[in-house]
Amino acid sequence: MLEMTVMIVGVMLCIALVLNLWRLIIGPDIVDRILALDTMYINSIALILLYGIYNQTPLYFEAALLIAMLGFVSSVAFGKYLLRGDIIE
């Protein structure tokens, strides 16, 4: 039962990633593209955690934590770039 649920949720997350990729490419504004990229980070973290649950190993949880930290730093950098025009002061 859990394996079937993990597969269904995995398919839903893959569909969400494809829709986020579409928003990233087609997005009418740079803000929409940044939000799509941030959402792709969140969906990829969920997909990695789901894969870790499926394989019953804690190794993937550490990888998801690293991707979460990179996603946060990139979101801050993109926001700073939008506000000031440069990242490094």
N, C-alpha and C. Protein backbone atom coordinates (compact mmCIF):
# COMPACT_ATOMS: atom_id res chain seq x y z
N MET A 1 0.81 -1.19 0.00
CA MET A 1 0.00 0.00 0.00
C MET A 1 0.86 1.26 0.00
N LEU A 2 1.91 1.27 0.83
CA LEU A 2 2.79 2.42 0.89
C LEU A 2 3.56 2.59 -0.42
N GLU A 3 3.97 1.48 -1.01
CA GLU A 3 4.71 1.57 -2.28
C GLU A 3 3.85 2.15 -3.39
N MET A 4 2.58 1.79 -3.42
CA MET A 4 1.68 2.33 -4.44
C MET A 4 1.45 3.83 -4.22
N THR A 5 1.31 4.22 -2.97
CA THR A 5 1.12 5.64 -2.65
C THR A 5 2.36 6.44 -3.01
N VAL A 6 3.54 5.90 -2.75
CA VAL A 6 4.78 6.58 -3.09
C VAL A 6 4.89 6.75 -4.60
N MET A 7 4.49 5.75 -5.35
CA MET A 7 4.53 5.85 -6.82
C MET A 7 3.56 6.91 -7.34
N ILE A 8 2.36 6.95 -6.79
CA ILE A 8 1.37 7.94 -7.23
C ILE A 8 1.85 9.36 -6.91
N VAL A 9 2.37 9.56 -5.72
CA VAL A 9 2.88 10.87 -5.34
C VAL A 9 4.09 11.25 -6.18
N GLY A 10 4.93 10.28 -6.51
CA GLY A 10 6.07 10.54 -7.38
C GLY A 10 5.66 11.00 -8.76
N VAL A 11 4.64 10.39 -9.31
CA VAL A 11 4.13 10.81 -10.62
C VAL A 11 3.57 12.23 -10.53
N MET A 12 2.86 12.53 -9.45
CA MET A 12 2.31 13.88 -9.29
C MET A 12 3.43 14.92 -9.17
N LEU A 13 4.48 14.58 -8.46
CA LEU A 13 5.60 15.50 -8.32
C LEU A 13 6.32 15.70 -9.66
N CYS A 14 6.43 14.65 -10.44
CA CYS A 14 7.04 14.79 -11.77
C CYS A 14 6.20 15.68 -12.68
N ILE A 15 4.89 15.55 -12.59
CA ILE A 15 4.01 16.43 -13.37
C ILE A 15 4.17 17.87 -12.90
N ALA A 16 4.28 18.08 -11.59
CA ALA A 16 4.49 19.43 -11.07
C ALA A 16 5.83 20.01 -11.53
N LEU A 17 6.86 19.17 -11.61
CA LEU A 17 8.15 19.64 -12.09
C LEU A 17 8.08 20.04 -13.56
N VAL A 18 7.36 19.29 -14.36
CA VAL A 18 7.21 19.64 -15.78
C VAL A 18 6.44 20.95 -15.93
N LEU A 19 5.40 21.14 -15.14
CA LEU A 19 4.65 22.40 -15.20
C LEU A 19 5.50 23.58 -14.73
N ASN A 20 6.34 23.35 -13.71
CA ASN A 20 7.26 24.41 -13.28
C ASN A 20 8.29 24.74 -14.34
N LEU A 21 8.75 23.73 -15.04
CA LEU A 21 9.69 23.96 -16.13
C LEU A 21 9.04 24.77 -17.24
N TRP A 22 7.78 24.49 -17.52
CA TRP A 22 7.04 25.26 -18.52
C TRP A 22 6.93 26.72 -18.09
N ARG A 23 6.65 26.96 -16.80
CA ARG A 23 6.56 28.33 -16.29
C ARG A 23 7.92 29.01 -16.32
N LEU A 24 8.97 28.25 -16.10
CA LEU A 24 10.32 28.81 -16.14
C LEU A 24 10.69 29.25 -17.54
N ILE A 25 10.27 28.50 -18.53
CA ILE A 25 10.61 28.83 -19.92
C ILE A 25 9.67 29.90 -20.47
N ILE A 26 8.39 29.78 -20.23
CA ILE A 26 7.38 30.65 -20.84
C ILE A 26 7.07 31.87 -19.98
N GLY A 27 7.45 31.87 -18.72
CA GLY A 27 7.06 32.93 -17.79
C GLY A 27 7.17 34.33 -18.36
N PRO A 28 6.13 35.14 -18.22
CA PRO A 28 6.16 36.45 -18.85
C PRO A 28 7.11 37.44 -18.18
N ASP A 29 7.47 37.21 -16.94
CA ASP A 29 8.30 38.15 -16.21
C ASP A 29 9.41 37.40 -15.49
N ILE A 30 10.46 38.13 -15.11
CA ILE A 30 11.59 37.50 -14.42
C ILE A 30 11.16 37.01 -13.03
N VAL A 31 10.21 37.69 -12.41
CA VAL A 31 9.74 37.26 -11.09
C VAL A 31 9.04 35.91 -11.19
N ASP A 32 8.26 35.71 -12.25
CA ASP A 32 7.61 34.41 -12.45
C ASP A 32 8.64 33.31 -12.65
N ARG A 33 9.70 33.61 -13.35
CA ARG A 33 10.74 32.61 -13.57
C ARG A 33 11.47 32.26 -12.28
N ILE A 34 11.73 33.26 -11.44
CA ILE A 34 12.40 33.00 -10.16
C ILE A 34 11.50 32.18 -9.25
N LEU A 35 10.21 32.49 -9.20
CA LEU A 35 9.28 31.70 -8.40
C LEU A 35 9.17 30.27 -8.92
N ALA A 36 9.20 30.10 -10.24
CA ALA A 36 9.15 28.75 -10.80
C ALA A 36 10.40 27.96 -10.42
N LEU A 37 11.56 28.63 -10.45
CA LEU A 37 12.79 27.95 -10.07
C LEU A 37 12.78 27.58 -8.59
N ASP A 38 12.27 28.45 -7.75
CA ASP A 38 12.17 28.16 -6.33
C ASP A 38 11.21 27.00 -6.07
N THR A 39 10.11 26.98 -6.79
CA THR A 39 9.16 25.87 -6.66
C THR A 39 9.76 24.56 -7.17
N MET A 40 10.60 24.65 -8.21
CA MET A 40 11.28 23.44 -8.69
C MET A 40 12.23 22.89 -7.64
N TYR A 41 12.89 23.78 -6.90
CA TYR A 41 13.73 23.32 -5.78
C TYR A 41 12.89 22.55 -4.76
N ILE A 42 11.76 23.11 -4.40
CA ILE A 42 10.91 22.47 -3.39
C ILE A 42 10.39 21.12 -3.88
N ASN A 43 9.97 21.08 -5.15
CA ASN A 43 9.47 19.81 -5.70
C ASN A 43 10.57 18.77 -5.83
N SER A 44 11.77 19.20 -6.18
CA SER A 44 12.87 18.23 -6.28
C SER A 44 13.27 17.71 -4.90
N ILE A 45 13.19 18.56 -3.89
CA ILE A 45 13.44 18.10 -2.52
C ILE A 45 12.41 17.04 -2.12
N ALA A 46 11.15 17.32 -2.43
CA ALA A 46 10.09 16.35 -2.10
C ALA A 46 10.29 15.05 -2.85
N LEU A 47 10.74 15.14 -4.11
CA LEU A 47 10.97 13.92 -4.90
C LEU A 47 12.13 13.11 -4.33
N ILE A 48 13.18 13.78 -3.90
CA ILE A 48 14.32 13.07 -3.30
C ILE A 48 13.91 12.43 -1.97
N LEU A 49 13.14 13.14 -1.17
CA LEU A 49 12.67 12.56 0.09
C LEU A 49 11.76 11.36 -0.16
N LEU A 50 10.94 11.47 -1.16
CA LEU A 50 10.07 10.35 -1.51
C LEU A 50 10.88 9.14 -1.96
N TYR A 51 11.93 9.38 -2.72
CA TYR A 51 12.80 8.28 -3.14
C TYR A 51 13.52 7.66 -1.94
N GLY A 52 13.90 8.48 -0.97
CA GLY A 52 14.51 7.96 0.25
C GLY A 52 13.55 7.11 1.06
N ILE A 53 12.29 7.51 1.09
CA ILE A 53 11.27 6.71 1.77
C ILE A 53 11.07 5.39 1.05
N TYR A 54 11.06 5.45 -0.28
CA TYR A 54 10.85 4.24 -1.07
C TYR A 54 11.99 3.25 -0.87
N ASN A 55 13.23 3.74 -0.82
CA ASN A 55 14.39 2.85 -0.64
C ASN A 55 14.72 2.58 0.82
N GLN A 56 14.06 3.24 1.73
CA GLN A 56 14.25 3.09 3.17
C GLN A 56 15.70 3.30 3.58
N THR A 57 16.27 4.41 3.13
CA THR A 57 17.63 4.77 3.49
C THR A 57 17.68 6.25 3.87
N PRO A 58 18.42 6.60 4.90
CA PRO A 58 18.49 8.02 5.32
C PRO A 58 19.48 8.86 4.50
N LEU A 59 20.17 8.27 3.56
CA LEU A 59 21.17 9.00 2.79
C LEU A 59 20.54 10.11 1.96
N TYR A 60 19.37 9.87 1.43
CA TYR A 60 18.72 10.86 0.57
C TYR A 60 18.20 12.05 1.36
N PHE A 61 17.98 11.90 2.64
CA PHE A 61 17.53 13.01 3.46
C PHE A 61 18.62 14.06 3.59
N GLU A 62 19.87 13.63 3.66
CA GLU A 62 20.99 14.57 3.72
C GLU A 62 21.15 15.31 2.39
N ALA A 63 20.95 14.60 1.30
CA ALA A 63 21.02 15.25 -0.02
C ALA A 63 19.90 16.27 -0.17
N ALA A 64 18.73 15.98 0.34
CA ALA A 64 17.61 16.93 0.27
C ALA A 64 17.91 18.17 1.12
N LEU A 65 18.57 17.99 2.23
CA LEU A 65 18.95 19.12 3.08
C LEU A 65 19.94 20.02 2.36
N LEU A 66 20.90 19.43 1.67
CA LEU A 66 21.87 20.23 0.91
C LEU A 66 21.19 21.00 -0.23
N ILE A 67 20.26 20.37 -0.91
CA ILE A 67 19.55 21.06 -1.99
C ILE A 67 18.68 22.17 -1.41
N ALA A 68 18.11 21.97 -0.24
CA ALA A 68 17.31 23.02 0.40
C ALA A 68 18.17 24.23 0.74
N MET A 69 19.39 23.99 1.23
CA MET A 69 20.27 25.12 1.53
C MET A 69 20.68 25.85 0.27
N LEU A 70 20.97 25.13 -0.80
CA LEU A 70 21.32 25.78 -2.07
C LEU A 70 20.13 26.55 -2.63
N GLY A 71 18.95 26.03 -2.49
CA GLY A 71 17.76 26.73 -2.96
C GLY A 71 17.52 28.02 -2.20
N PHE A 72 17.76 28.00 -0.90
CA PHE A 72 17.59 29.22 -0.11
C PHE A 72 18.61 30.28 -0.51
N VAL A 73 19.86 29.88 -0.65
CA VAL A 73 20.90 30.84 -1.02
C VAL A 73 20.64 31.41 -2.42
N SER A 74 20.22 30.58 -3.33
CA SER A 74 19.95 31.09 -4.68
C SER A 74 18.74 32.02 -4.70
N SER A 75 17.72 31.74 -3.90
CA SER A 75 16.57 32.63 -3.83
C SER A 75 16.95 33.99 -3.26
N VAL A 76 17.80 33.98 -2.24
CA VAL A 76 18.27 35.25 -1.68
C VAL A 76 19.12 36.01 -2.69
N ALA A 77 19.97 35.30 -3.42
CA ALA A 77 20.81 35.96 -4.42
C ALA A 77 19.98 36.54 -5.56
N PHE A 78 18.97 35.80 -6.03
CA PHE A 78 18.10 36.32 -7.09
C PHE A 78 17.32 37.54 -6.60
N GLY A 79 16.83 37.49 -5.38
CA GLY A 79 16.09 38.63 -4.83
C GLY A 79 16.97 39.86 -4.69
N LYS A 80 18.19 39.66 -4.24
CA LYS A 80 19.13 40.78 -4.11
C LYS A 80 19.49 41.34 -5.48
N TYR A 81 19.61 40.47 -6.45
CA TYR A 81 19.91 40.94 -7.81
C TYR A 81 18.75 41.75 -8.38
N LEU A 82 17.53 41.33 -8.11
CA LEU A 82 16.38 42.08 -8.60
C LEU A 82 16.25 43.44 -7.94
N LEU A 83 16.58 43.52 -6.67
CA LEU A 83 16.46 44.80 -5.96
C LEU A 83 17.58 45.78 -6.30
N ARG A 84 18.81 45.30 -6.35
CA ARG A 84 19.94 46.20 -6.48
C ARG A 84 20.65 46.14 -7.83
N GLY A 85 20.46 45.08 -8.56
CA GLY A 85 21.13 44.98 -9.85
C GLY A 85 22.49 44.29 -9.77
N ASP A 86 22.99 44.05 -8.57
CA ASP A 86 24.24 43.30 -8.40
C ASP A 86 24.12 42.44 -7.14
N ILE A 87 24.95 41.43 -7.10
CA ILE A 87 24.88 40.50 -5.96
C ILE A 87 25.92 40.86 -4.92
N ILE A 88 27.12 41.19 -5.37
CA ILE A 88 28.21 41.51 -4.46
C ILE A 88 28.28 43.02 -4.29
N GLU A 89 28.28 43.46 -3.05
CA GLU A 89 28.32 44.91 -2.80
C GLU A 89 29.71 45.46 -2.92
